Protein backbone atom coordinates (compact mmCIF):
# COMPACT_ATOMS: atom_id res chain seq x y z
CA MET A 1 0.00 0.00 0.00
CA THR A 2 1.40 3.40 -0.96
CA MET A 3 0.90 6.55 0.99
CA PRO A 4 -0.13 9.70 -0.83
CA THR A 5 2.60 12.29 -1.04
CA PRO A 6 1.67 15.50 0.74
CA ASP A 7 1.43 18.69 -1.26
CA ILE A 8 4.20 21.07 -0.19
CA GLU A 9 1.92 24.06 -0.81
CA GLN A 10 -0.27 22.90 2.08
CA HIS A 11 2.59 22.84 4.58
CA PRO A 12 2.15 25.56 7.26
CA ASP A 13 5.81 26.61 7.07
CA VAL A 14 5.39 27.63 3.42
CA ALA A 15 2.79 30.23 4.35
CA VAL A 16 5.01 31.58 7.15
CA MET A 17 8.04 31.84 4.84
CA ARG A 18 6.02 33.61 2.15
CA HIS A 19 4.71 36.07 4.72
CA ARG A 20 8.29 36.81 5.90
CA TYR A 21 9.51 37.40 2.36
CA ASP A 22 6.54 39.67 1.69
CA GLN A 23 7.41 41.68 4.80
CA ILE A 24 11.04 41.94 3.72
CA SER A 25 10.21 43.06 0.20
CA GLU A 26 7.80 45.71 1.51
CA SER A 27 10.34 47.37 3.80
CA PRO A 28 11.62 50.80 2.69
CA MET A 29 15.23 49.60 2.74
CA ALA A 30 14.47 46.67 0.45
CA GLN A 31 12.44 48.81 -1.93
CA SER A 32 15.21 51.42 -2.10
CA ALA A 33 17.90 48.79 -2.63
CA ASP A 34 15.82 47.04 -5.32
CA GLY A 35 15.12 50.29 -7.11
CA LEU A 36 18.74 51.45 -7.05
CA THR A 37 19.92 48.03 -8.22
CA PHE A 38 17.44 48.15 -11.11
CA LEU A 39 18.53 51.67 -12.11
CA ALA A 40 22.22 50.76 -11.81
CA GLY A 41 21.63 47.74 -14.05
CA LEU A 42 19.86 49.84 -16.66
CA TYR A 43 22.62 52.45 -16.49
CA LEU A 44 25.31 49.80 -16.84
CA ALA A 45 23.56 48.38 -19.91
CA MET A 46 23.33 51.75 -21.64
CA SER A 47 26.56 53.30 -20.31
CA PRO A 48 28.67 52.52 -23.41
CA TRP A 49 26.43 54.84 -25.41
CA VAL A 50 25.90 57.40 -22.64
CA ILE A 51 29.59 57.73 -21.78
CA GLY A 52 30.76 57.18 -25.34
CA PHE A 53 32.89 54.05 -25.28
CA SER A 54 30.73 51.88 -27.53
CA GLY A 55 33.77 51.47 -29.81
CA HIS A 56 35.27 49.09 -27.22
CA SER A 57 33.17 46.15 -28.42
CA PRO A 58 34.08 43.54 -25.76
CA LEU A 59 33.48 45.95 -22.86
CA THR A 60 30.31 47.22 -24.54
CA MET A 61 28.90 43.70 -24.78
CA SER A 62 29.96 42.89 -21.21
CA ASN A 63 28.22 45.99 -19.87
CA LEU A 64 25.11 45.37 -21.96
CA PHE A 65 24.63 41.76 -20.84
CA THR A 66 25.66 42.37 -17.22
CA GLY A 67 23.39 45.40 -16.95
CA ILE A 68 20.41 43.56 -18.40
CA ALA A 69 21.00 40.62 -16.06
CA ILE A 70 21.19 42.93 -13.03
CA ALA A 71 18.04 44.81 -14.07
CA LEU A 72 16.13 41.54 -14.58
CA LEU A 73 17.25 40.22 -11.19
CA ALA A 74 16.19 43.44 -9.48
CA ALA A 75 12.82 43.34 -11.25
CA GLY A 76 12.42 39.75 -10.08
CA PHE A 77 13.21 40.77 -6.50
CA VAL A 78 10.53 43.46 -6.68
CA ALA A 79 7.92 41.24 -8.33
CA ALA A 80 8.40 38.00 -6.38
CA TYR A 81 11.10 38.16 -3.73
CA GLY A 82 9.92 34.90 -2.19
CA HIS A 83 10.72 33.09 -5.41
CA PHE A 84 13.95 34.95 -6.23
CA HIS A 85 15.59 35.06 -2.79
CA GLY A 86 17.69 32.01 -3.61
CA MET A 87 19.38 33.94 -6.41
CA ALA A 88 20.22 37.02 -4.32
CA TRP A 89 23.89 36.00 -4.19
CA VAL A 90 24.19 36.49 -7.97
CA ALA A 91 23.69 40.28 -7.90
CA PRO A 92 26.83 41.15 -5.88
CA ILE A 93 28.90 38.89 -8.13
CA LEU A 94 27.58 40.69 -11.22
CA GLY A 95 28.36 44.01 -9.55
CA ALA A 96 31.90 42.86 -8.79
CA TRP A 97 32.24 41.76 -12.41
CA ALA A 98 31.20 45.24 -13.56
CA ILE A 99 33.97 46.72 -11.38
CA VAL A 100 36.77 44.52 -12.73
CA ALA A 101 35.51 44.17 -16.32
CA PRO A 102 37.44 47.17 -17.77
CA TRP A 103 40.71 45.45 -16.84
CA VAL A 104 39.69 41.83 -17.48
CA VAL A 105 37.79 42.03 -20.75
CA ASP A 106 39.97 41.63 -23.81
CA GLY A 107 40.30 44.59 -26.14
CA PRO A 108 41.72 48.08 -26.16
CA THR A 109 42.19 49.82 -22.83
CA PRO A 110 39.08 51.90 -22.16
CA GLU A 111 39.21 55.57 -21.25
CA ASN A 112 39.10 56.68 -17.63
CA THR A 113 35.45 57.71 -17.96
CA ALA A 114 34.50 54.14 -18.86
CA ILE A 115 36.48 52.75 -15.93
CA VAL A 116 34.98 55.23 -13.44
CA SER A 117 31.49 54.56 -14.80
CA ASN A 118 31.86 50.80 -14.38
CA VAL A 119 33.38 51.07 -10.91
CA ILE A 120 30.60 53.35 -9.64
CA ALA A 121 27.77 51.30 -11.18
CA GLY A 122 29.31 48.05 -9.94
CA ALA A 123 29.81 49.44 -6.43
CA VAL A 124 26.17 50.59 -6.28
CA VAL A 125 25.03 47.11 -7.33
CA VAL A 126 27.29 45.36 -4.80
CA LEU A 127 26.25 47.62 -1.92
CA CYS A 128 22.52 47.44 -2.72
CA ALA A 129 22.63 43.67 -3.24
CA LEU A 130 24.43 43.18 0.06
CA ALA A 131 21.82 45.41 1.74
CA MET A 132 19.06 43.24 0.27
CA MET A 133 20.80 40.08 1.45
CA SER A 134 21.45 41.46 4.95
CA GLY A 135 17.78 42.42 5.27
CA THR A 136 16.82 38.85 4.53
CA MET A 137 19.29 37.40 7.01
CA ARG A 138 18.32 39.86 9.73
CA ARG A 139 14.60 39.22 9.24
CA THR A 140 14.85 35.41 9.16
CA ARG A 141 16.85 35.26 12.40
CA SER A 142 14.25 37.15 14.42
């Protein structure tokens, strides 16, 4: 005789966890961090054309794809933090990549404006992502 497998959606802990993640995502700190991360991602994606280094093709493509990925992650955090919280560790790594990309990506050495732009955008992403992650850790411990 086989026993029916319980539906995980009916487990009481699932409702409690979803409520906690909803509380976290509704806090002003989380909303600010999400918004700044989203804007930093959009800026990073369009920075080669705003700053004027779109001639550096490898760095342009790196910024475009990294910026889009960051913006999509931030939009996911805003829309459904309970489902995206497991991927929160990806955002600071992408921000760190944006910081080091001008020196790591193959191609001609970019101008100082491109380097400064990447470092600032990457630092904003790293700091905001760490703030989002610390809010989650602080809230789940209490």
